[in-house]
N, C-alpha and C. Protein backbone atom coordinates (compact mmCIF):
# COMPACT_ATOMS: atom_id res chain seq x y z
N MET A 1 1.49 11.64 -6.32
CA MET A 1 2.19 10.75 -7.41
C MET A 1 0.71 10.26 -8.20
N THR A 2 0.55 10.63 -9.47
CA THR A 2 -1.03 9.87 -9.92
C THR A 2 -0.17 9.07 -10.70
N ILE A 3 -1.35 8.02 -11.01
CA ILE A 3 -1.21 7.02 -12.11
C ILE A 3 -0.46 7.40 -13.29
N ASN A 4 -0.96 8.39 -13.94
CA ASN A 4 -0.24 9.43 -15.03
C ASN A 4 1.50 9.35 -14.91
N ASP A 5 1.53 10.03 -13.56
CA ASP A 5 3.07 10.13 -13.51
C ASP A 5 3.95 8.62 -13.17
N VAL A 6 2.87 7.77 -12.58
CA VAL A 6 4.04 7.08 -12.55
C VAL A 6 3.71 6.22 -13.95
N ILE A 7 3.39 5.97 -15.01
CA ILE A 7 3.83 5.74 -16.33
C ILE A 7 4.26 6.90 -17.03
N GLY A 8 4.25 7.78 -16.64
CA GLY A 8 5.37 8.59 -17.50
C GLY A 8 6.72 8.03 -17.41
N LYS A 9 6.73 8.15 -15.57
CA LYS A 9 8.14 8.00 -15.14
C LYS A 9 8.36 6.61 -15.45
N ALA A 10 7.75 5.59 -15.21
CA ALA A 10 8.21 4.21 -15.88
C ALA A 10 8.61 4.28 -17.37
N MET A 11 7.62 4.88 -18.22
CA MET A 11 8.10 4.43 -19.98
C MET A 11 9.31 5.69 -20.28
N ALA A 12 9.73 6.72 -19.15
CA ALA A 12 11.15 7.38 -19.20
C ALA A 12 12.16 6.37 -19.01
N LYS A 13 11.92 5.65 -17.95
CA LYS A 13 13.18 4.46 -17.84
C LYS A 13 13.34 3.94 -18.45
N LEU A 14 12.43 3.17 -19.08
CA LEU A 14 12.39 1.93 -20.31
C LEU A 14 13.05 2.34 -21.80
N ASP A 15 12.37 4.39 -22.25
CA ASP A 15 12.87 4.71 -23.04
C ASP A 15 14.65 4.84 -23.03
N GLU A 16 15.15 4.88 -22.11
CA GLU A 16 16.63 5.28 -21.71
C GLU A 16 17.37 3.99 -22.23
N VAL A 17 16.51 2.95 -22.48
CA VAL A 17 17.33 1.94 -22.23
C VAL A 17 17.23 1.14 -24.74
N THR A 18 17.98 1.46 -25.11
CA THR A 18 17.91 0.79 -26.12
C THR A 18 17.47 -0.51 -26.74
N SER A 19 16.91 -1.09 -26.74
CA SER A 19 16.48 -2.19 -26.74
C SER A 19 15.68 -2.83 -27.90
N SER A 20 15.67 -3.80 -28.99
CA SER A 20 14.33 -4.03 -29.88
C SER A 20 13.38 -4.66 -29.19
N ASN A 21 13.53 -5.57 -28.27
CA ASN A 21 12.51 -6.13 -27.76
C ASN A 21 11.77 -5.33 -26.95
N LEU A 22 12.21 -4.29 -26.25
CA LEU A 22 11.50 -3.10 -25.30
C LEU A 22 10.82 -2.75 -26.46
N ILE A 23 11.29 -1.70 -27.67
CA ILE A 23 10.57 -1.33 -28.48
C ILE A 23 9.33 -1.61 -29.43
N ALA A 24 9.41 -3.10 -29.70
CA ALA A 24 9.07 -4.29 -30.32
C ALA A 24 7.41 -4.36 -29.35
N ASN A 25 7.60 -4.13 -28.07
CA ASN A 25 6.65 -4.94 -27.24
C ASN A 25 6.35 -3.59 -26.00
N ALA A 26 6.17 -2.26 -26.73
CA ALA A 26 6.04 -0.75 -26.25
C ALA A 26 4.28 -0.86 -25.95
N GLY A 27 4.28 -1.08 -26.93
CA GLY A 27 2.38 -1.19 -26.55
C GLY A 27 1.79 -2.27 -26.14
N ASP A 28 2.29 -3.19 -25.88
CA ASP A 28 1.68 -4.31 -24.93
C ASP A 28 2.24 -3.20 -23.16
N TYR A 29 3.07 -2.45 -23.09
CA TYR A 29 3.18 -2.38 -21.88
C TYR A 29 2.01 -1.51 -21.16
N ILE A 30 1.28 -0.81 -22.09
CA ILE A 30 0.17 0.51 -21.61
C ILE A 30 -1.14 -0.82 -21.09
N ASN A 31 -1.18 -1.84 -21.77
CA ASN A 31 -1.84 -2.89 -21.59
C ASN A 31 -1.65 -3.24 -19.78
N LYS A 32 -0.11 -3.70 -19.49
CA LYS A 32 0.06 -4.38 -18.48
C LYS A 32 0.61 -3.49 -17.49
N ILE A 33 0.55 -2.12 -17.97
CA ILE A 33 1.02 -1.57 -16.23
C ILE A 33 -0.11 -0.92 -15.35
N TYR A 34 -0.95 -1.09 -15.80
CA TYR A 34 -2.20 -0.78 -14.59
C TYR A 34 -2.34 -1.99 -13.64
N PRO A 35 -2.25 -3.01 -14.00
CA PRO A 35 -2.09 -4.39 -13.27
C PRO A 35 -0.41 -4.54 -12.17
N SER A 36 0.01 -4.29 -13.01
CA SER A 36 1.51 -4.20 -12.40
C SER A 36 1.72 -3.12 -11.37
N ILE A 37 1.07 -2.16 -11.87
CA ILE A 37 0.94 -0.87 -10.58
C ILE A 37 0.10 -1.28 -9.61
N ASP A 38 -1.34 -2.04 -9.71
CA ASP A 38 -2.15 -2.53 -8.64
C ASP A 38 -1.23 -3.34 -7.93
N THR A 39 -0.09 -4.49 -8.59
CA THR A 39 0.33 -5.51 -7.47
C THR A 39 1.80 -4.60 -6.96
N ILE A 40 2.45 -4.15 -7.56
CA ILE A 40 3.11 -3.30 -6.47
C ILE A 40 2.91 -2.35 -5.62
N GLN A 41 1.85 -1.41 -5.53
CA GLN A 41 1.42 -1.09 -4.77
C GLN A 41 0.36 -1.14 -3.41
N THR A 42 -0.21 -2.33 -3.61
CA THR A 42 -0.56 -3.77 -2.75
C THR A 42 0.47 -4.34 -2.04
N GLU A 43 2.04 -4.75 -2.91
CA GLU A 43 3.14 -5.21 -1.99
C GLU A 43 3.36 -3.98 -1.08
N ILE A 44 3.71 -3.18 -1.23
CA ILE A 44 3.83 -2.12 -0.66
C ILE A 44 3.31 -1.47 0.47
N ALA A 45 2.04 -1.68 0.69
CA ALA A 45 1.23 -1.39 1.33
C ALA A 45 0.94 -2.16 2.34
N THR A 46 1.41 -3.83 1.87
CA THR A 46 1.17 -4.84 3.02
C THR A 46 2.06 -5.32 3.59
N ASN A 47 3.04 -5.03 2.99
CA ASN A 47 4.86 -5.33 3.48
C ASN A 47 5.64 -4.57 3.90
N VAL A 48 5.87 -3.28 3.29
CA VAL A 48 6.87 -2.39 3.81
C VAL A 48 5.97 -1.33 4.70
N LYS A 49 5.34 -0.23 4.23
CA LYS A 49 4.49 1.00 4.95
C LYS A 49 2.79 1.11 4.79
N PRO A 50 2.15 0.31 5.67
CA PRO A 50 0.79 0.21 5.74
C PRO A 50 -0.18 1.44 5.42
N ILE A 51 -1.29 1.54 4.74
CA ILE A 51 -1.98 2.61 4.91
C ILE A 51 -2.94 2.23 6.11
N GLU A 52 -2.98 3.52 7.23
CA GLU A 52 -3.75 3.59 8.43
C GLU A 52 -5.14 4.39 7.48
N LYS A 53 -5.81 3.52 8.17
CA LYS A 53 -7.56 4.25 8.03
C LYS A 53 -8.21 4.60 9.36
N TYR A 54 -8.94 5.51 9.87
CA TYR A 54 -9.83 5.49 10.38
C TYR A 54 -10.97 5.56 10.11
N LEU A 55 -12.32 5.26 10.49
CA LEU A 55 -13.42 5.01 9.91
C LEU A 55 -14.83 4.86 11.54
N THR A 56 -15.18 5.57 10.85
CA THR A 56 -16.58 6.03 12.26
C THR A 56 -17.78 5.48 12.04
N LEU A 57 -17.87 4.53 12.58
CA LEU A 57 -19.29 3.57 12.80
C LEU A 57 -19.99 3.43 13.81
N ASP A 58 -21.18 3.14 13.80
CA ASP A 58 -22.33 2.68 14.89
C ASP A 58 -22.56 1.17 14.34
N SER A 59 -22.43 0.42 16.02
CA SER A 59 -22.93 -0.70 16.19
C SER A 59 -24.31 -1.10 16.21
N VAL A 60 -24.63 -2.20 15.47
CA VAL A 60 -25.44 -2.89 15.53
C VAL A 60 -25.79 -3.84 16.74
N ASN A 61 -26.48 -4.39 17.89
CA ASN A 61 -26.51 -5.40 18.63
C ASN A 61 -25.27 -5.61 18.88
N LYS A 62 -24.58 -4.95 19.50
CA LYS A 62 -23.03 -4.92 19.64
C LYS A 62 -22.19 -5.25 18.86
N MET A 63 -22.47 -5.19 17.15
CA MET A 63 -21.15 -5.83 16.19
C MET A 63 -20.90 -4.80 15.49
N ILE A 64 -19.97 -4.81 14.51
CA ILE A 64 -19.71 -4.11 13.52
C ILE A 64 -18.76 -4.87 12.57
N ASP A 65 -19.42 -4.93 11.44
CA ASP A 65 -18.83 -5.38 10.33
C ASP A 65 -17.45 -5.29 10.02
N VAL A 66 -16.33 -5.71 9.71
CA VAL A 66 -15.13 -5.56 9.90
C VAL A 66 -14.83 -4.77 8.17
N PRO A 67 -14.69 -3.63 7.90
CA PRO A 67 -14.54 -2.92 6.61
C PRO A 67 -13.86 -3.94 5.80
N LEU A 68 -14.24 -3.99 4.28
CA LEU A 68 -14.08 -5.02 3.21
C LEU A 68 -12.33 -4.52 2.86
N ASP A 69 -11.88 -3.40 3.26
CA ASP A 69 -10.77 -3.19 2.52
C ASP A 69 -9.68 -3.14 3.86
N CYS A 70 -10.24 -3.90 5.01
CA CYS A 70 -8.95 -3.58 6.04
C CYS A 70 -8.06 -5.37 5.82
N PHE A 71 -6.90 -4.77 6.02
CA PHE A 71 -5.98 -5.56 6.27
C PHE A 71 -5.56 -5.99 7.16
N ILE A 72 -5.24 -5.34 8.19
CA ILE A 72 -4.93 -5.82 9.27
C ILE A 72 -5.65 -5.02 10.43
N PHE A 73 -6.73 -5.41 10.91
CA PHE A 73 -7.21 -4.41 12.20
C PHE A 73 -6.43 -4.39 13.50
N LEU A 74 -6.35 -3.15 13.71
CA LEU A 74 -5.46 -2.44 15.10
C LEU A 74 -6.26 -2.52 16.18
N LYS A 75 -7.49 -1.34 16.37
CA LYS A 75 -7.64 -0.77 17.41
C LYS A 75 -9.05 -0.15 17.30
N VAL A 76 -10.08 -0.17 18.31
CA VAL A 76 -11.32 0.49 17.86
C VAL A 76 -11.29 1.61 19.50
N TYR A 77 -11.77 2.68 19.37
CA TYR A 77 -12.04 3.92 20.22
C TYR A 77 -13.40 4.10 20.14
N ASP A 78 -13.57 4.70 21.37
CA ASP A 78 -15.17 5.22 21.65
C ASP A 78 -14.78 7.00 20.86
N THR A 79 -15.85 7.64 20.96
CA THR A 79 -15.94 8.98 20.22
C THR A 79 -14.81 10.11 21.23
N ASP A 80 -14.47 9.58 22.47
CA ASP A 80 -13.64 10.36 23.00
C ASP A 80 -12.20 9.90 22.66
N TYR A 81 -12.17 9.13 22.03
CA TYR A 81 -10.83 8.51 21.40
C TYR A 81 -10.06 7.65 22.46
N SER A 82 -10.60 6.94 23.55
CA SER A 82 -10.24 6.00 24.31
C SER A 82 -10.48 4.44 23.92
N PRO A 83 -9.61 4.19 24.40
CA PRO A 83 -9.45 2.47 23.77
C PRO A 83 -10.77 1.73 24.68
N VAL A 84 -11.36 0.85 23.44
CA VAL A 84 -11.96 -0.11 24.17
C VAL A 84 -11.92 -1.54 23.46
N SER A 85 -12.07 -2.32 24.69
CA SER A 85 -11.96 -3.43 24.74
C SER A 85 -13.11 -4.67 23.02
N PHE A 86 -12.59 -5.42 22.60
CA PHE A 86 -12.92 -6.16 21.49
C PHE A 86 -12.74 -7.27 21.24
N ASN A 87 -13.89 -7.84 20.56
CA ASN A 87 -12.81 -9.17 19.80
C ASN A 87 -13.61 -9.49 18.12
N VAL A 88 -12.61 -9.85 17.59
CA VAL A 88 -12.95 -10.19 16.18
C VAL A 88 -12.97 -11.56 15.97
N ILE A 89 -14.59 -12.01 15.14
CA ILE A 89 -15.02 -12.88 15.06
C ILE A 89 -15.33 -13.28 13.40
N ASN A 90 -15.03 -13.87 12.91
CA ASN A 90 -15.60 -14.15 11.68
C ASN A 90 -16.15 -12.61 10.98
N LYS A 91 -14.77 -11.84 11.24
CA LYS A 91 -15.29 -10.57 10.09
C LYS A 91 -16.32 -9.37 10.65
N LYS A 92 -16.73 -10.07 12.18
CA LYS A 92 -17.35 -9.04 12.63
C LYS A 92 -16.54 -8.60 14.24
N ILE A 93 -16.94 -7.53 14.39
CA ILE A 93 -16.32 -6.77 15.47
C ILE A 93 -16.89 -7.03 16.60
N ARG A 94 -16.99 -7.51 17.84
CA ARG A 94 -17.61 -7.76 18.98
C ARG A 94 -17.25 -6.61 19.87
N LEU A 95 -17.95 -5.84 20.70
CA LEU A 95 -18.04 -4.80 21.40
C LEU A 95 -18.79 -5.41 22.93
N GLU A 96 -18.90 -4.76 23.91
CA GLU A 96 -19.36 -4.65 25.13
C GLU A 96 -20.63 -4.02 25.15
N GLU A 97 -20.99 -3.01 24.16
CA GLU A 97 -22.52 -2.22 24.12
C GLU A 97 -22.17 -1.23 22.96
N ASP A 98 -23.65 -0.90 22.62
CA ASP A 98 -23.99 -0.22 21.13
C ASP A 98 -23.53 1.03 21.36
N GLY A 99 -23.19 1.51 20.34
CA GLY A 99 -22.47 3.03 20.30
C GLY A 99 -22.15 3.51 19.04
N THR A 100 -21.13 4.58 18.92
CA THR A 100 -20.53 5.02 17.92
C THR A 100 -19.12 4.35 18.25
N TYR A 101 -18.59 4.13 17.53
CA TYR A 101 -16.87 3.66 17.79
C TYR A 101 -16.09 3.94 16.00
N VAL A 102 -14.68 4.37 16.82
CA VAL A 102 -13.78 4.70 15.36
C VAL A 102 -13.01 3.39 15.17
N LEU A 103 -12.81 2.73 13.83
CA LEU A 103 -11.83 1.69 13.72
C LEU A 103 -10.98 2.53 13.21
N TYR A 104 -9.55 1.79 13.56
CA TYR A 104 -8.41 1.71 13.23
C TYR A 104 -7.82 0.50 12.83
N TYR A 105 -7.62 0.84 11.58
CA TYR A 105 -6.65 -0.17 10.88
C TYR A 105 -6.14 -0.02 9.86
N ASN A 106 -5.21 -0.88 9.34
CA ASN A 106 -4.77 -0.98 7.84
C ASN A 106 -4.99 -1.46 6.92
N LYS A 107 -5.45 -0.80 5.95
CA LYS A 107 -6.40 -1.09 4.99
C LYS A 107 -5.58 -1.22 3.24
N TYR A 108 -5.99 -1.89 2.59
CA TYR A 108 -5.60 -2.37 1.01
C TYR A 108 -5.71 -1.11 0.24
N PRO A 109 -5.02 -1.01 -0.74
CA PRO A 109 -4.80 0.46 -1.76
C PRO A 109 -6.57 0.20 -2.40
N GLU A 110 -6.86 1.00 -2.82
CA GLU A 110 -7.66 1.08 -4.42
C GLU A 110 -7.61 0.40 -5.28
N LYS A 111 -8.26 -0.72 -6.03
CA LYS A 111 -8.13 -1.50 -7.01
C LYS A 111 -7.35 -0.16 -8.00
N ILE A 112 -6.63 -0.81 -8.74
CA ILE A 112 -6.22 -0.11 -9.91
C ILE A 112 -6.36 -0.89 -11.41
N SER A 113 -6.97 -0.43 -12.27
CA SER A 113 -7.24 -1.06 -13.36
C SER A 113 -7.38 -0.50 -14.66
N SER A 114 -7.35 -0.45 -15.65
CA SER A 114 -7.59 0.04 -16.72
C SER A 114 -8.51 1.13 -16.67
N SER A 115 -9.87 0.83 -16.27
CA SER A 115 -10.69 2.11 -15.91
C SER A 115 -10.59 2.90 -14.96
N THR A 116 -9.08 3.30 -14.39
CA THR A 116 -8.94 4.07 -13.30
C THR A 116 -8.55 5.34 -13.92
N THR A 117 -8.89 6.09 -13.93
CA THR A 117 -8.69 7.76 -14.09
C THR A 117 -7.42 7.86 -14.05
N LEU A 118 -6.43 8.51 -15.08
CA LEU A 118 -4.82 8.66 -14.82
C LEU A 118 -4.49 9.85 -13.95
N THR A 119 -5.58 10.54 -13.23
CA THR A 119 -5.45 12.01 -12.46
C THR A 119 -5.44 10.79 -10.85
N THR A 120 -5.82 9.79 -10.96
CA THR A 120 -5.96 8.94 -9.35
C THR A 120 -5.01 9.40 -8.72
N GLU A 121 -4.24 9.64 -7.25
CA GLU A 121 -3.23 10.06 -6.76
C GLU A 121 -3.18 8.15 -6.24
N LEU A 122 -1.97 7.44 -5.90
CA LEU A 122 -1.77 6.79 -5.49
C LEU A 122 -1.66 6.63 -3.39
N GLU A 123 -2.07 6.15 -3.39
CA GLU A 123 -2.40 5.90 -1.44
C GLU A 123 -1.19 5.52 -0.82
N ILE A 124 -0.51 5.24 -1.24
CA ILE A 124 1.09 4.33 -0.99
C ILE A 124 1.56 6.05 -0.41
N ASP A 125 2.21 5.72 0.52
CA ASP A 125 3.14 6.90 1.32
C ASP A 125 4.26 7.53 0.09
N LYS A 126 4.52 8.68 0.40
CA LYS A 126 4.77 9.37 -1.07
C LYS A 126 6.70 9.14 -1.04
N ASP A 127 7.28 8.07 0.08
CA ASP A 127 8.56 7.77 0.15
C ASP A 127 8.55 6.21 -0.45
N CYS A 128 7.62 5.70 -0.97
CA CYS A 128 7.66 4.98 -1.64
C CYS A 128 7.07 4.36 -2.86
N GLN A 129 6.66 5.66 -3.69
CA GLN A 129 6.34 6.06 -4.73
C GLN A 129 7.37 5.58 -5.55
N GLU A 130 8.52 6.20 -5.62
CA GLU A 130 9.79 6.17 -6.10
C GLU A 130 10.16 4.67 -6.73
N ALA A 131 9.72 3.86 -5.32
CA ALA A 131 10.25 2.38 -5.33
C ALA A 131 9.07 1.94 -6.35
N LEU A 132 7.91 2.64 -6.34
CA LEU A 132 6.67 1.47 -7.32
C LEU A 132 7.14 1.80 -8.62
N VAL A 133 7.66 2.91 -9.41
CA VAL A 133 8.13 3.29 -10.73
C VAL A 133 8.95 2.19 -10.82
N TYR A 134 10.22 1.89 -10.17
CA TYR A 134 11.02 0.62 -10.28
C TYR A 134 10.89 -1.00 -9.97
N GLY A 135 9.72 -0.79 -9.39
CA GLY A 135 9.00 -2.11 -9.31
C GLY A 135 8.41 -2.23 -10.59
N VAL A 136 7.79 -1.48 -11.44
CA VAL A 136 6.90 -1.40 -12.52
C VAL A 136 7.93 -2.03 -13.69
N CYS A 137 8.46 -1.05 -13.59
CA CYS A 137 9.60 -1.20 -14.94
C CYS A 137 10.37 -2.80 -14.73
N ALA A 138 10.26 -3.45 -13.63
CA ALA A 138 10.68 -4.72 -13.30
C ALA A 138 9.93 -5.32 -14.16
N GLU A 139 8.74 -5.15 -13.37
CA GLU A 139 7.45 -6.23 -14.09
C GLU A 139 7.27 -5.91 -15.60
N LEU A 140 7.58 -4.85 -16.04
CA LEU A 140 7.04 -4.81 -17.12
C LEU A 140 8.20 -5.70 -18.48
N CYS A 141 9.34 -5.29 -18.07
CA CYS A 141 10.45 -5.92 -18.81
C CYS A 141 11.11 -7.33 -18.63
N ILE A 142 10.24 -8.22 -17.67
CA ILE A 142 10.57 -9.53 -16.88
C ILE A 142 10.59 -10.62 -18.30
N ASN A 143 9.40 -10.74 -19.46
CA ASN A 143 9.98 -11.59 -20.18
C ASN A 143 10.34 -10.98 -21.31
N ASP A 144 11.25 -9.62 -21.29
CA ASP A 144 11.84 -8.84 -23.02
C ASP A 144 13.00 -8.80 -22.58
N GLU A 145 13.77 -8.56 -21.69
CA GLU A 145 14.78 -8.51 -21.12
C GLU A 145 15.14 -9.15 -19.75
N PRO A 146 15.64 -9.89 -19.43
CA PRO A 146 15.47 -10.11 -17.61
C PRO A 146 16.97 -9.57 -17.26
N GLU A 147 17.92 -9.04 -18.03
CA GLU A 147 18.92 -8.08 -16.83
C GLU A 147 18.64 -7.07 -16.73
N LEU A 148 17.63 -6.19 -17.75
CA LEU A 148 16.87 -5.13 -17.07
C LEU A 148 16.20 -5.33 -15.91
N TYR A 149 15.19 -6.79 -16.11
CA TYR A 149 14.46 -7.28 -14.93
C TYR A 149 15.65 -7.07 -13.71
N ASP A 150 16.58 -7.73 -13.55
CA ASP A 150 17.31 -7.77 -12.54
C ASP A 150 17.79 -6.20 -12.40
N THR A 151 18.21 -5.50 -13.05
CA THR A 151 18.59 -3.75 -12.47
C THR A 151 17.28 -3.35 -11.93
N TYR A 152 16.36 -3.39 -12.83
CA TYR A 152 15.28 -2.38 -11.71
C TYR A 152 14.41 -3.34 -10.56
N LEU A 153 14.69 -4.86 -10.55
CA LEU A 153 13.67 -5.00 -9.51
C LEU A 153 15.09 -5.15 -8.22
N ASP A 154 16.52 -5.13 -8.50
CA ASP A 154 17.51 -4.93 -7.68
C ASP A 154 17.49 -3.16 -6.76
N ARG A 155 17.16 -2.14 -7.67
CA ARG A 155 17.04 -0.88 -7.61
C ARG A 155 15.65 -0.44 -6.27
N TYR A 156 14.63 -1.85 -7.02
CA TYR A 156 12.76 -1.64 -5.89
C TYR A 156 13.55 -2.18 -4.83
N ASN A 157 14.67 -3.39 -4.47
CA ASN A 157 14.27 -4.02 -3.21
C ASN A 157 15.16 -3.17 -2.95
N THR A 158 16.30 -2.22 -3.29
CA THR A 158 17.31 -1.50 -2.21
C THR A 158 16.36 -0.25 -1.62
N LEU A 159 15.11 -0.04 -2.73
CA LEU A 159 15.03 1.11 -1.99
C LEU A 159 13.44 0.76 -0.71
N LEU A 160 13.24 -0.50 -1.40
CA LEU A 160 12.35 -0.90 -0.19
C LEU A 160 13.12 -1.20 1.32
N VAL A 161 14.38 -1.79 1.00
CA VAL A 161 15.14 -1.05 2.08
C VAL A 161 15.54 -0.49 2.83
N ASN A 162 16.05 0.44 2.41
CA ASN A 162 16.57 1.93 2.94
C ASN A 162 15.08 2.10 3.71
N ILE A 163 13.80 2.44 3.17
CA ILE A 163 12.56 2.57 4.16
C ILE A 163 12.24 1.83 4.84
N LEU A 164 12.74 0.92 4.85
CA LEU A 164 12.65 -0.45 6.05
C LEU A 164 13.30 0.10 6.81
N ASN A 165 14.59 0.32 6.92
CA ASN A 165 15.62 1.04 7.74
C ASN A 165 15.34 2.46 8.38
N ARG A 166 14.98 3.17 7.30
CA ARG A 166 14.48 4.20 7.79
C ARG A 166 13.74 3.92 9.11
N LEU A 167 12.31 3.41 8.48
CA LEU A 167 11.20 3.22 9.65
C LEU A 167 11.97 2.74 10.79
N GLN A 168 12.65 1.34 11.02
CA GLN A 168 13.16 0.90 12.38
C GLN A 168 14.36 1.77 13.03
N SER A 169 14.78 2.58 12.50
CA SER A 169 15.30 3.18 13.13
C SER A 169 14.80 4.41 13.88
N ASN A 170 13.79 4.78 13.24
CA ASN A 170 12.95 5.88 14.31
C ASN A 170 11.86 5.76 14.84
N THR A 171 11.95 4.44 15.47
CA THR A 171 11.35 3.70 16.38
C THR A 171 11.40 4.43 17.59
N THR A 172 9.89 4.55 18.09
CA THR A 172 9.48 5.65 19.08
C THR A 172 8.73 4.66 20.08
N VAL A 173 8.77 4.66 21.43
CA VAL A 173 8.69 3.81 22.65
C VAL A 173 7.90 4.93 23.37
N THR A 174 5.78 4.41 23.65
CA THR A 174 5.40 5.05 24.35
C THR A 174 4.61 4.67 25.98
N PHE A 175 5.47 5.29 27.13
CA PHE A 175 4.77 4.81 28.46
C PHE A 175 3.80 5.10 28.97
N VAL A 176 2.77 4.43 29.08
CA VAL A 176 1.67 4.97 29.73
C VAL A 176 1.55 4.53 30.94
N GLY A 177 0.91 5.48 31.87
CA GLY A 177 1.07 4.89 33.23
C GLY A 177 2.76 4.72 34.08
N GLY A 178 3.78 5.01 32.67
CA GLY A 178 5.13 4.98 34.27
C GLY A 178 6.09 4.07 33.71
N VAL A 179 6.84 3.49 34.27
CA VAL A 179 7.67 2.56 34.28
C VAL A 179 8.11 2.28 35.84
N ARG A 180 8.24 1.27 36.34
CA ARG A 180 8.44 0.71 37.78
C ARG A 180 10.16 -0.10 37.48
N ILE A 181 10.74 0.84 37.99
CA ILE A 181 11.98 -0.02 38.41
C ILE A 181 12.55 -0.45 39.72
């Protein structure tokens, strides 16, 4: 889904409601919609379904800087994708030796502002994008229509709970090296 799709869907949902307050403030929504999309996608990426990223970097003096877009650092692999021991100290990854490593982490989504092109694809997972539309609608009408805010926020939260339940019910376990009984 692109930014343009989110704007179109949010405006279509708001157009379904005949409210003098919403109609009067429709021009303000275009100014508010970019920060709303950014806030909601960051909330989804940090609390519901993270954006996973792999990045290959070379270490210098057995150190690698933690990437700026890193939300939670997960693992370090060598070039053969074998796990490597490491320590994270003051936004630096300390390794046992120099080399090329693959960093695996959850990242913040790219910042969305009014200068972001309308064709920019959202980074959050596809199953979270419809929830994002409802979250944006809730943020847009929070001051104008409290009842609509509650309706959209409730739908947003319901979609997020359904996503979390689906993720938890599909949990898998991997045993490495067998199980001792």
